[in-house]
Amino acid sequence: MSASTTDTSVTQQLRVLTDWSPERQLALMLGLCEAQMDSAMQESDQAVDTLIQAFTNLVDSAKAVGSVAESLPEEVKAQLAPELSAQLAVFSRQMASAVVAFQFYDKLSQRLGHVRYSLSALALFACNQEQMQQPEQWTRLHSTLRRLYRTQEEREVFQVVMDSEASGFVHGSPPPPSVMAGERAKAGEIELF
């Protein structure tokens, strides 16, 4: 190792030590969380793209089966019609289930995007020690993040966490199941987004 390489390494280490602060470490860890989440989402997006292609191929196959069934001679069509109808109905229900699963994945992606943005905003906020000491700046950050959340579940979780002192919620523990389940559990509804 040359003297200039050693000098550069020592200089970098000294810079790291002089730039060290709890706020920067917090921002670094939040950035790490965001990067991990981004990486996982990119990987899952690739898997979902594969599923979408398979889904498209299945729809094309179902149309082809329907066309073949229509071109059959009438006596064969009459004999096979009940079985074909039953199988196409099963296929149709399975396709509807797949659409719902894609909708939930889309919703999950949106919510994780909001979490990533929140982590980034908090990391930037944490780097400014003066800003961190001002309660009105925290209120502003909360307002910014509150506007970000679009789904009922996100808004409910946000409200529970923000009301934590009044409700006895302990940071680091999950929100109560009632918040996570929300009103949709009692109605069995699917929220469209």
N, C-alpha and C. Protein backbone atom coordinates (compact mmCIF):
# COMPACT_ATOMS: atom_id res chain seq x y z
N MET A 1 0.84 -1.16 0.00
CA MET A 1 0.00 0.00 0.00
C MET A 1 0.89 1.23 0.00
N SER A 2 0.60 2.18 -0.86
CA SER A 2 1.43 3.39 -0.96
C SER A 2 1.04 4.40 0.11
N ALA A 3 1.90 5.36 0.31
CA ALA A 3 1.65 6.40 1.32
C ALA A 3 0.45 7.24 0.95
N SER A 4 0.25 7.50 -0.35
CA SER A 4 -0.90 8.32 -0.76
C SER A 4 -2.21 7.59 -0.53
N THR A 5 -2.23 6.26 -0.72
CA THR A 5 -3.43 5.47 -0.45
C THR A 5 -3.75 5.50 1.03
N THR A 6 -2.71 5.36 1.86
CA THR A 6 -2.91 5.40 3.31
C THR A 6 -3.42 6.76 3.74
N ASP A 7 -2.84 7.84 3.17
CA ASP A 7 -3.28 9.19 3.51
C ASP A 7 -4.75 9.40 3.14
N THR A 8 -5.14 8.91 1.96
CA THR A 8 -6.53 9.05 1.52
C THR A 8 -7.46 8.29 2.45
N SER A 9 -7.07 7.08 2.81
CA SER A 9 -7.89 6.27 3.70
C SER A 9 -8.04 6.93 5.07
N VAL A 10 -6.96 7.44 5.61
CA VAL A 10 -7.00 8.11 6.91
C VAL A 10 -7.86 9.36 6.82
N THR A 11 -7.70 10.11 5.72
CA THR A 11 -8.49 11.33 5.53
C THR A 11 -9.97 10.99 5.48
N GLN A 12 -10.32 9.93 4.75
CA GLN A 12 -11.72 9.52 4.67
C GLN A 12 -12.24 9.11 6.05
N GLN A 13 -11.44 8.37 6.80
CA GLN A 13 -11.86 7.95 8.14
C GLN A 13 -12.04 9.15 9.06
N LEU A 14 -11.11 10.12 8.97
CA LEU A 14 -11.25 11.32 9.79
C LEU A 14 -12.49 12.11 9.40
N ARG A 15 -12.77 12.20 8.11
CA ARG A 15 -13.97 12.91 7.65
C ARG A 15 -15.22 12.22 8.20
N VAL A 16 -15.23 10.89 8.14
CA VAL A 16 -16.36 10.14 8.68
C VAL A 16 -16.52 10.42 10.17
N LEU A 17 -15.41 10.44 10.90
CA LEU A 17 -15.48 10.69 12.35
C LEU A 17 -15.94 12.11 12.65
N THR A 18 -15.46 13.09 11.88
CA THR A 18 -15.87 14.48 12.15
C THR A 18 -17.29 14.74 11.68
N ASP A 19 -17.77 14.01 10.68
CA ASP A 19 -19.14 14.18 10.19
C ASP A 19 -20.13 13.33 10.98
N TRP A 20 -19.65 12.52 11.90
CA TRP A 20 -20.52 11.61 12.62
C TRP A 20 -21.45 12.38 13.55
N SER A 21 -22.71 11.99 13.53
CA SER A 21 -23.69 12.53 14.49
C SER A 21 -24.80 11.51 14.60
N PRO A 22 -25.53 11.50 15.71
CA PRO A 22 -26.65 10.57 15.83
C PRO A 22 -27.68 10.79 14.73
N GLU A 23 -27.87 12.04 14.36
CA GLU A 23 -28.85 12.34 13.32
C GLU A 23 -28.44 11.73 11.98
N ARG A 24 -27.15 11.87 11.64
CA ARG A 24 -26.68 11.29 10.38
C ARG A 24 -26.76 9.77 10.41
N GLN A 25 -26.48 9.19 11.55
CA GLN A 25 -26.59 7.73 11.67
C GLN A 25 -28.04 7.29 11.51
N LEU A 26 -28.96 8.03 12.10
CA LEU A 26 -30.38 7.74 11.95
C LEU A 26 -30.78 7.86 10.48
N ALA A 27 -30.35 8.93 9.84
CA ALA A 27 -30.67 9.12 8.42
C ALA A 27 -30.08 7.99 7.58
N LEU A 28 -28.87 7.57 7.90
CA LEU A 28 -28.23 6.47 7.18
C LEU A 28 -29.04 5.18 7.34
N MET A 29 -29.47 4.88 8.54
CA MET A 29 -30.25 3.66 8.79
C MET A 29 -31.62 3.73 8.11
N LEU A 30 -32.24 4.90 8.13
CA LEU A 30 -33.52 5.06 7.43
C LEU A 30 -33.31 4.90 5.92
N GLY A 31 -32.20 5.43 5.42
CA GLY A 31 -31.88 5.25 4.00
C GLY A 31 -31.67 3.79 3.65
N LEU A 32 -31.04 3.06 4.55
CA LEU A 32 -30.85 1.62 4.35
C LEU A 32 -32.20 0.91 4.28
N CYS A 33 -33.10 1.25 5.19
CA CYS A 33 -34.44 0.65 5.18
C CYS A 33 -35.15 0.94 3.86
N GLU A 34 -35.05 2.18 3.42
CA GLU A 34 -35.68 2.56 2.16
C GLU A 34 -35.08 1.78 0.98
N ALA A 35 -33.75 1.66 0.96
CA ALA A 35 -33.09 0.93 -0.13
C ALA A 35 -33.48 -0.55 -0.13
N GLN A 36 -33.57 -1.16 1.05
CA GLN A 36 -33.99 -2.56 1.13
C GLN A 36 -35.42 -2.72 0.61
N MET A 37 -36.29 -1.80 1.01
CA MET A 37 -37.68 -1.86 0.57
C MET A 37 -37.77 -1.67 -0.94
N ASP A 38 -37.00 -0.74 -1.47
CA ASP A 38 -37.00 -0.49 -2.91
C ASP A 38 -36.52 -1.72 -3.67
N SER A 39 -35.46 -2.35 -3.18
CA SER A 39 -34.94 -3.55 -3.82
C SER A 39 -35.98 -4.67 -3.82
N ALA A 40 -36.62 -4.88 -2.68
CA ALA A 40 -37.64 -5.93 -2.57
C ALA A 40 -38.82 -5.64 -3.51
N MET A 41 -39.22 -4.38 -3.60
CA MET A 41 -40.33 -4.03 -4.48
C MET A 41 -39.97 -4.25 -5.94
N GLN A 42 -38.74 -3.92 -6.33
CA GLN A 42 -38.32 -4.15 -7.71
C GLN A 42 -38.34 -5.64 -8.04
N GLU A 43 -37.87 -6.46 -7.12
CA GLU A 43 -37.89 -7.91 -7.33
C GLU A 43 -39.32 -8.42 -7.44
N SER A 44 -40.19 -7.94 -6.57
CA SER A 44 -41.58 -8.42 -6.61
C SER A 44 -42.29 -7.90 -7.85
N ASP A 45 -41.94 -6.71 -8.31
CA ASP A 45 -42.54 -6.19 -9.55
C ASP A 45 -42.19 -7.09 -10.73
N GLN A 46 -40.96 -7.61 -10.76
CA GLN A 46 -40.57 -8.52 -11.83
C GLN A 46 -41.41 -9.80 -11.77
N ALA A 47 -41.62 -10.31 -10.57
CA ALA A 47 -42.43 -11.53 -10.42
C ALA A 47 -43.87 -11.26 -10.84
N VAL A 48 -44.39 -10.11 -10.48
CA VAL A 48 -45.76 -9.78 -10.85
C VAL A 48 -45.87 -9.59 -12.36
N ASP A 49 -44.85 -9.01 -12.99
CA ASP A 49 -44.87 -8.89 -14.45
C ASP A 49 -44.97 -10.27 -15.10
N THR A 50 -44.26 -11.25 -14.55
CA THR A 50 -44.34 -12.62 -15.05
C THR A 50 -45.75 -13.17 -14.87
N LEU A 51 -46.34 -12.91 -13.70
CA LEU A 51 -47.71 -13.36 -13.45
C LEU A 51 -48.70 -12.70 -14.41
N ILE A 52 -48.51 -11.44 -14.67
CA ILE A 52 -49.41 -10.73 -15.59
C ILE A 52 -49.32 -11.34 -16.98
N GLN A 53 -48.11 -11.67 -17.41
CA GLN A 53 -47.95 -12.30 -18.72
C GLN A 53 -48.64 -13.66 -18.74
N ALA A 54 -48.48 -14.44 -17.67
CA ALA A 54 -49.15 -15.74 -17.59
C ALA A 54 -50.66 -15.56 -17.59
N PHE A 55 -51.13 -14.57 -16.88
CA PHE A 55 -52.56 -14.26 -16.81
C PHE A 55 -53.09 -13.91 -18.21
N THR A 56 -52.35 -13.09 -18.94
CA THR A 56 -52.74 -12.71 -20.30
C THR A 56 -52.79 -13.94 -21.20
N ASN A 57 -51.80 -14.82 -21.06
CA ASN A 57 -51.78 -16.05 -21.86
C ASN A 57 -52.98 -16.94 -21.53
N LEU A 58 -53.35 -17.01 -20.25
CA LEU A 58 -54.52 -17.81 -19.87
C LEU A 58 -55.80 -17.25 -20.49
N VAL A 59 -55.93 -15.95 -20.50
CA VAL A 59 -57.12 -15.33 -21.11
C VAL A 59 -57.15 -15.67 -22.59
N ASP A 60 -56.01 -15.56 -23.26
CA ASP A 60 -55.95 -15.91 -24.69
C ASP A 60 -56.31 -17.38 -24.90
N SER A 61 -55.83 -18.25 -24.02
CA SER A 61 -56.14 -19.69 -24.13
C SER A 61 -57.63 -19.93 -23.94
N ALA A 62 -58.24 -19.24 -23.00
CA ALA A 62 -59.68 -19.40 -22.76
C ALA A 62 -60.47 -18.96 -23.99
N LYS A 63 -60.05 -17.87 -24.60
CA LYS A 63 -60.73 -17.41 -25.82
C LYS A 63 -60.57 -18.45 -26.94
N ALA A 64 -59.39 -19.04 -27.05
CA ALA A 64 -59.15 -20.06 -28.07
C ALA A 64 -60.03 -21.28 -27.83
N VAL A 65 -60.17 -21.69 -26.57
CA VAL A 65 -61.04 -22.83 -26.24
C VAL A 65 -62.48 -22.50 -26.61
N GLY A 66 -62.90 -21.29 -26.31
CA GLY A 66 -64.25 -20.87 -26.68
C GLY A 66 -64.46 -20.90 -28.18
N SER A 67 -63.47 -20.46 -28.94
CA SER A 67 -63.57 -20.48 -30.41
C SER A 67 -63.64 -21.90 -30.94
N VAL A 68 -62.81 -22.78 -30.38
CA VAL A 68 -62.83 -24.19 -30.79
C VAL A 68 -64.19 -24.80 -30.47
N ALA A 69 -64.72 -24.49 -29.30
CA ALA A 69 -66.03 -25.03 -28.91
C ALA A 69 -67.12 -24.56 -29.86
N GLU A 70 -67.04 -23.32 -30.30
CA GLU A 70 -68.05 -22.79 -31.23
C GLU A 70 -67.96 -23.44 -32.60
N SER A 71 -66.77 -23.87 -32.99
CA SER A 71 -66.60 -24.45 -34.32
C SER A 71 -66.91 -25.95 -34.38
N LEU A 72 -67.22 -26.54 -33.24
CA LEU A 72 -67.54 -27.97 -33.22
C LEU A 72 -68.88 -28.23 -33.92
N PRO A 73 -69.02 -29.41 -34.49
CA PRO A 73 -70.33 -29.76 -35.07
C PRO A 73 -71.41 -29.72 -33.99
N GLU A 74 -72.63 -29.42 -34.40
CA GLU A 74 -73.73 -29.23 -33.46
C GLU A 74 -73.95 -30.43 -32.53
N GLU A 75 -73.88 -31.66 -33.05
CA GLU A 75 -74.12 -32.83 -32.19
C GLU A 75 -73.03 -32.97 -31.13
N VAL A 76 -71.77 -32.67 -31.47
CA VAL A 76 -70.67 -32.73 -30.51
C VAL A 76 -70.80 -31.58 -29.52
N LYS A 77 -71.16 -30.41 -30.04
CA LYS A 77 -71.32 -29.23 -29.19
C LYS A 77 -72.41 -29.49 -28.15
N ALA A 78 -73.51 -30.09 -28.54
CA ALA A 78 -74.61 -30.38 -27.61
C ALA A 78 -74.16 -31.36 -26.53
N GLN A 79 -73.34 -32.31 -26.91
CA GLN A 79 -72.86 -33.31 -25.96
C GLN A 79 -71.85 -32.70 -24.98
N LEU A 80 -70.98 -31.82 -25.44
CA LEU A 80 -69.91 -31.25 -24.61
C LEU A 80 -70.29 -29.93 -23.93
N ALA A 81 -71.37 -29.32 -24.35
CA ALA A 81 -71.73 -27.98 -23.84
C ALA A 81 -71.81 -27.91 -22.32
N PRO A 82 -72.47 -28.84 -21.63
CA PRO A 82 -72.55 -28.72 -20.17
C PRO A 82 -71.17 -28.76 -19.50
N GLU A 83 -70.32 -29.68 -19.95
CA GLU A 83 -68.98 -29.79 -19.35
C GLU A 83 -68.13 -28.56 -19.67
N LEU A 84 -68.18 -28.11 -20.93
CA LEU A 84 -67.44 -26.91 -21.30
C LEU A 84 -67.91 -25.69 -20.51
N SER A 85 -69.21 -25.55 -20.37
CA SER A 85 -69.76 -24.42 -19.61
C SER A 85 -69.30 -24.47 -18.16
N ALA A 86 -69.32 -25.65 -17.57
CA ALA A 86 -68.88 -25.79 -16.17
C ALA A 86 -67.40 -25.44 -16.03
N GLN A 87 -66.58 -25.94 -16.94
CA GLN A 87 -65.14 -25.65 -16.87
C GLN A 87 -64.84 -24.17 -17.11
N LEU A 88 -65.55 -23.57 -18.05
CA LEU A 88 -65.34 -22.14 -18.31
C LEU A 88 -65.81 -21.29 -17.13
N ALA A 89 -66.84 -21.74 -16.42
CA ALA A 89 -67.30 -21.01 -15.23
C ALA A 89 -66.24 -21.08 -14.13
N VAL A 90 -65.64 -22.26 -13.94
CA VAL A 90 -64.56 -22.40 -12.96
C VAL A 90 -63.39 -21.49 -13.34
N PHE A 91 -63.04 -21.52 -14.61
CA PHE A 91 -61.95 -20.69 -15.10
C PHE A 91 -62.26 -19.21 -14.86
N SER A 92 -63.46 -18.82 -15.12
CA SER A 92 -63.89 -17.43 -14.94
C SER A 92 -63.77 -17.00 -13.48
N ARG A 93 -64.19 -17.88 -12.55
CA ARG A 93 -64.08 -17.56 -11.12
C ARG A 93 -62.61 -17.43 -10.70
N GLN A 94 -61.78 -18.32 -11.23
CA GLN A 94 -60.36 -18.25 -10.90
C GLN A 94 -59.71 -16.98 -11.45
N MET A 95 -60.13 -16.56 -12.62
CA MET A 95 -59.62 -15.32 -13.19
C MET A 95 -60.05 -14.13 -12.34
N ALA A 96 -61.28 -14.15 -11.86
CA ALA A 96 -61.77 -13.06 -11.00
C ALA A 96 -60.95 -13.01 -9.71
N SER A 97 -60.62 -14.17 -9.15
CA SER A 97 -59.78 -14.22 -7.95
C SER A 97 -58.40 -13.66 -8.23
N ALA A 98 -57.86 -13.95 -9.40
CA ALA A 98 -56.55 -13.43 -9.77
C ALA A 98 -56.58 -11.91 -9.90
N VAL A 99 -57.66 -11.37 -10.44
CA VAL A 99 -57.80 -9.91 -10.56
C VAL A 99 -57.79 -9.27 -9.18
N VAL A 100 -58.52 -9.86 -8.24
CA VAL A 100 -58.55 -9.33 -6.87
C VAL A 100 -57.15 -9.39 -6.25
N ALA A 101 -56.43 -10.48 -6.49
CA ALA A 101 -55.06 -10.60 -5.96
C ALA A 101 -54.16 -9.52 -6.55
N PHE A 102 -54.30 -9.23 -7.83
CA PHE A 102 -53.51 -8.16 -8.45
C PHE A 102 -53.87 -6.81 -7.85
N GLN A 103 -55.14 -6.61 -7.55
CA GLN A 103 -55.56 -5.35 -6.93
C GLN A 103 -54.92 -5.19 -5.55
N PHE A 104 -54.88 -6.27 -4.78
CA PHE A 104 -54.25 -6.19 -3.47
C PHE A 104 -52.75 -5.94 -3.59
N TYR A 105 -52.12 -6.55 -4.58
CA TYR A 105 -50.69 -6.29 -4.78
C TYR A 105 -50.48 -4.82 -5.13
N ASP A 106 -51.33 -4.27 -5.98
CA ASP A 106 -51.22 -2.86 -6.35
C ASP A 106 -51.36 -1.98 -5.12
N LYS A 107 -52.32 -2.31 -4.28
CA LYS A 107 -52.53 -1.55 -3.05
C LYS A 107 -51.30 -1.65 -2.14
N LEU A 108 -50.75 -2.84 -2.00
CA LEU A 108 -49.54 -3.04 -1.20
C LEU A 108 -48.39 -2.21 -1.75
N SER A 109 -48.22 -2.21 -3.06
CA SER A 109 -47.15 -1.42 -3.68
C SER A 109 -47.31 0.06 -3.37
N GLN A 110 -48.55 0.55 -3.46
CA GLN A 110 -48.80 1.96 -3.16
C GLN A 110 -48.46 2.27 -1.70
N ARG A 111 -48.90 1.40 -0.80
CA ARG A 111 -48.65 1.64 0.62
C ARG A 111 -47.16 1.59 0.93
N LEU A 112 -46.44 0.65 0.35
CA LEU A 112 -45.00 0.58 0.58
C LEU A 112 -44.29 1.79 -0.02
N GLY A 113 -44.80 2.30 -1.13
CA GLY A 113 -44.26 3.53 -1.69
C GLY A 113 -44.43 4.70 -0.73
N HIS A 114 -45.56 4.74 -0.05
CA HIS A 114 -45.79 5.78 0.95
C HIS A 114 -44.82 5.63 2.13
N VAL A 115 -44.57 4.39 2.53
CA VAL A 115 -43.62 4.15 3.62
C VAL A 115 -42.22 4.59 3.19
N ARG A 116 -41.83 4.26 1.97
CA ARG A 116 -40.52 4.68 1.47
C ARG A 116 -40.40 6.20 1.48
N TYR A 117 -41.43 6.88 1.02
CA TYR A 117 -41.40 8.35 1.02
C TYR A 117 -41.29 8.87 2.45
N SER A 118 -42.05 8.26 3.36
CA SER A 118 -42.01 8.68 4.77
C SER A 118 -40.61 8.50 5.36
N LEU A 119 -39.97 7.38 5.04
CA LEU A 119 -38.61 7.14 5.53
C LEU A 119 -37.65 8.20 4.99
N SER A 120 -37.78 8.52 3.71
CA SER A 120 -36.91 9.54 3.11
C SER A 120 -37.13 10.90 3.76
N ALA A 121 -38.41 11.26 3.94
CA ALA A 121 -38.73 12.55 4.56
C ALA A 121 -38.17 12.61 5.98
N LEU A 122 -38.31 11.52 6.72
CA LEU A 122 -37.80 11.49 8.09
C LEU A 122 -36.27 11.56 8.11
N ALA A 123 -35.63 10.88 7.18
CA ALA A 123 -34.16 10.93 7.11
C ALA A 123 -33.67 12.36 6.85
N LEU A 124 -34.30 13.05 5.92
CA LEU A 124 -33.92 14.44 5.64
C LEU A 124 -34.20 15.32 6.84
N PHE A 125 -35.33 15.09 7.47
CA PHE A 125 -35.72 15.87 8.65
C PHE A 125 -34.71 15.65 9.78
N ALA A 126 -34.30 14.41 9.97
CA ALA A 126 -33.39 14.06 11.07
C ALA A 126 -32.01 14.68 10.90
N CYS A 127 -31.63 14.97 9.68
CA CYS A 127 -30.31 15.57 9.44
C CYS A 127 -30.25 17.04 9.85
N ASN A 128 -31.39 17.66 10.06
CA ASN A 128 -31.43 19.07 10.43
C ASN A 128 -31.76 19.17 11.92
N GLN A 129 -30.73 19.26 12.74
CA GLN A 129 -30.92 19.24 14.19
C GLN A 129 -31.76 20.42 14.67
N GLU A 130 -31.59 21.57 14.05
CA GLU A 130 -32.37 22.75 14.44
C GLU A 130 -33.86 22.50 14.19
N GLN A 131 -34.16 21.95 13.05
CA GLN A 131 -35.54 21.64 12.69
C GLN A 131 -36.12 20.60 13.64
N MET A 132 -35.32 19.61 14.01
CA MET A 132 -35.80 18.54 14.90
C MET A 132 -36.19 19.06 16.28
N GLN A 133 -35.63 20.19 16.68
CA GLN A 133 -35.90 20.73 18.01
C GLN A 133 -37.17 21.59 18.06
N GLN A 134 -37.79 21.82 16.92
CA GLN A 134 -38.95 22.71 16.85
C GLN A 134 -40.24 21.90 16.71
N PRO A 135 -41.09 21.91 17.74
CA PRO A 135 -42.34 21.14 17.68
C PRO A 135 -43.21 21.48 16.47
N GLU A 136 -43.21 22.75 16.05
CA GLU A 136 -44.05 23.11 14.90
C GLU A 136 -43.53 22.48 13.61
N GLN A 137 -42.22 22.22 13.53
CA GLN A 137 -41.67 21.53 12.37
C GLN A 137 -42.10 20.06 12.35
N TRP A 138 -42.18 19.46 13.53
CA TRP A 138 -42.69 18.09 13.63
C TRP A 138 -44.15 18.04 13.20
N THR A 139 -44.92 19.03 13.63
CA THR A 139 -46.33 19.10 13.24
C THR A 139 -46.45 19.22 11.73
N ARG A 140 -45.58 20.02 11.13
CA ARG A 140 -45.58 20.17 9.68
C ARG A 140 -45.24 18.85 8.98
N LEU A 141 -44.25 18.14 9.51
CA LEU A 141 -43.89 16.84 8.95
C LEU A 141 -45.08 15.88 9.06
N HIS A 142 -45.72 15.86 10.22
CA HIS A 142 -46.90 14.99 10.41
C HIS A 142 -47.98 15.33 9.39
N SER A 143 -48.23 16.61 9.18
CA SER A 143 -49.26 17.03 8.22
C SER A 143 -48.91 16.59 6.80
N THR A 144 -47.64 16.73 6.45
CA THR A 144 -47.20 16.31 5.12
C THR A 144 -47.43 14.81 4.94
N LEU A 145 -47.05 14.04 5.94
CA LEU A 145 -47.21 12.59 5.84
C LEU A 145 -48.68 12.18 5.88
N ARG A 146 -49.48 12.86 6.68
CA ARG A 146 -50.91 12.54 6.77
C ARG A 146 -51.56 12.68 5.40
N ARG A 147 -51.22 13.71 4.65
CA ARG A 147 -51.80 13.92 3.32
C ARG A 147 -51.38 12.83 2.34
N LEU A 148 -50.26 12.20 2.59
CA LEU A 148 -49.74 11.16 1.72
C LEU A 148 -50.61 9.90 1.75
N TYR A 149 -51.18 9.59 2.90
CA TYR A 149 -51.89 8.34 3.07
C TYR A 149 -53.29 8.41 2.46
N ARG A 150 -53.55 7.50 1.52
CA ARG A 150 -54.80 7.53 0.76
C ARG A 150 -55.83 6.50 1.22
N THR A 151 -55.37 5.34 1.69
CA THR A 151 -56.33 4.30 2.05
C THR A 151 -56.82 4.49 3.48
N GLN A 152 -57.97 3.94 3.75
CA GLN A 152 -58.54 4.02 5.09
C GLN A 152 -57.61 3.39 6.12
N GLU A 153 -57.00 2.25 5.77
CA GLU A 153 -56.09 1.58 6.70
C GLU A 153 -54.89 2.46 7.04
N GLU A 154 -54.33 3.10 6.03
CA GLU A 154 -53.18 3.97 6.28
C GLU A 154 -53.55 5.12 7.20
N ARG A 155 -54.69 5.71 6.93
CA ARG A 155 -55.13 6.84 7.77
C ARG A 155 -55.40 6.39 9.20
N GLU A 156 -56.00 5.21 9.36
CA GLU A 156 -56.28 4.70 10.71
C GLU A 156 -54.99 4.42 11.48
N VAL A 157 -54.04 3.76 10.83
CA VAL A 157 -52.77 3.46 11.50
C VAL A 157 -52.05 4.76 11.86
N PHE A 158 -52.04 5.70 10.93
CA PHE A 158 -51.41 7.00 11.20
C PHE A 158 -52.04 7.65 12.42
N GLN A 159 -53.37 7.66 12.46
CA GLN A 159 -54.06 8.31 13.57
C GLN A 159 -53.77 7.62 14.90
N VAL A 160 -53.76 6.30 14.90
CA VAL A 160 -53.47 5.56 16.14
C VAL A 160 -52.06 5.89 16.63
N VAL A 161 -51.10 5.90 15.73
CA VAL A 161 -49.73 6.19 16.14
C VAL A 161 -49.61 7.63 16.62
N MET A 162 -50.24 8.56 15.94
CA MET A 162 -50.16 9.97 16.35
C MET A 162 -50.88 10.21 17.69
N ASP A 163 -51.90 9.41 17.95
CA ASP A 163 -52.63 9.52 19.22
C ASP A 163 -52.06 8.60 20.29
N SER A 164 -50.85 8.12 20.09
CA SER A 164 -50.29 7.06 20.94
C SER A 164 -50.25 7.41 22.42
N GLU A 165 -49.93 8.63 22.76
CA GLU A 165 -49.86 8.97 24.18
C GLU A 165 -51.23 8.87 24.83
N ALA A 166 -52.25 9.31 24.13
CA ALA A 166 -53.60 9.27 24.68
C ALA A 166 -54.16 7.85 24.73
N SER A 167 -53.77 7.01 23.73
CA SER A 167 -54.35 5.67 23.65
C SER A 167 -53.52 4.60 24.34
N GLY A 168 -52.32 4.95 24.78
CA GLY A 168 -51.47 3.95 25.44
C GLY A 168 -50.72 3.07 24.47
N PHE A 169 -50.72 3.41 23.20
CA PHE A 169 -49.99 2.65 22.18
C PHE A 169 -48.50 2.76 22.47
N VAL A 170 -47.80 1.64 22.44
CA VAL A 170 -46.37 1.64 22.71
C VAL A 170 -45.63 1.59 21.38
N HIS A 171 -44.74 2.58 21.15
CA HIS A 171 -43.99 2.59 19.90
C HIS A 171 -43.16 1.33 19.80
N GLY A 172 -43.12 0.79 18.60
CA GLY A 172 -42.38 -0.44 18.37
C GLY A 172 -43.28 -1.66 18.40
N SER A 173 -44.48 -1.51 18.96
CA SER A 173 -45.42 -2.63 18.93
C SER A 173 -46.41 -2.37 17.80
N PRO A 174 -46.99 -3.42 17.27
CA PRO A 174 -47.91 -3.22 16.16
C PRO A 174 -49.19 -2.53 16.62
N PRO A 175 -49.85 -1.82 15.71
CA PRO A 175 -51.13 -1.23 16.07
C PRO A 175 -52.11 -2.33 16.45
N PRO A 176 -53.11 -1.99 17.24
CA PRO A 176 -54.09 -2.99 17.63
C PRO A 176 -54.73 -3.64 16.40
N PRO A 177 -55.09 -4.93 16.49
CA PRO A 177 -55.69 -5.63 15.35
C PRO A 177 -56.93 -4.92 14.82
N SER A 178 -57.68 -4.29 15.70
CA SER A 178 -58.89 -3.61 15.24
C SER A 178 -58.55 -2.50 14.25
N VAL A 179 -57.42 -1.86 14.43
CA VAL A 179 -57.01 -0.81 13.50
C VAL A 179 -56.61 -1.43 12.18
N MET A 180 -55.88 -2.51 12.24
CA MET A 180 -55.41 -3.14 11.02
C MET A 180 -56.56 -3.74 10.23
N ALA A 181 -57.56 -4.28 10.91
CA ALA A 181 -58.68 -4.90 10.22
C ALA A 181 -59.64 -3.84 9.70
N GLY A 182 -59.82 -2.77 10.46
CA GLY A 182 -60.69 -1.68 10.04
C GLY A 182 -62.13 -2.11 9.88
N GLU A 183 -62.88 -1.24 9.30
CA GLU A 183 -64.30 -1.48 9.09
C GLU A 183 -64.55 -2.52 8.01
N ARG A 184 -63.59 -2.75 7.13
CA ARG A 184 -63.81 -3.68 6.02
C ARG A 184 -64.07 -5.10 6.51
N ALA A 185 -63.56 -5.45 7.71
CA ALA A 185 -63.72 -6.81 8.22
C ALA A 185 -65.18 -7.12 8.52
N LYS A 186 -65.88 -6.16 9.11
CA LYS A 186 -67.27 -6.46 9.45
C LYS A 186 -68.17 -6.49 8.23
N ALA A 187 -67.80 -5.77 7.18
CA ALA A 187 -68.63 -5.76 5.98
C ALA A 187 -68.15 -6.77 4.95
N GLY A 188 -66.91 -7.26 5.10
CA GLY A 188 -66.37 -8.20 4.12
C GLY A 188 -66.15 -7.55 2.77
N GLU A 189 -65.94 -6.25 2.75
CA GLU A 189 -65.85 -5.54 1.48
C GLU A 189 -64.42 -5.46 0.98
N ILE A 190 -64.31 -5.16 -0.28
CA ILE A 190 -63.02 -4.94 -0.91
C ILE A 190 -62.97 -3.46 -1.27
N GLU A 191 -61.92 -2.79 -0.83
CA GLU A 191 -61.77 -1.38 -1.15
C GLU A 191 -61.12 -1.25 -2.51
N LEU A 192 -61.77 -0.53 -3.42
CA LEU A 192 -61.19 -0.30 -4.73
C LEU A 192 -60.35 0.96 -4.67
N PHE A 193 -59.24 0.96 -5.38
CA PHE A 193 -58.30 2.07 -5.31
C PHE A 193 -57.76 2.38 -6.68
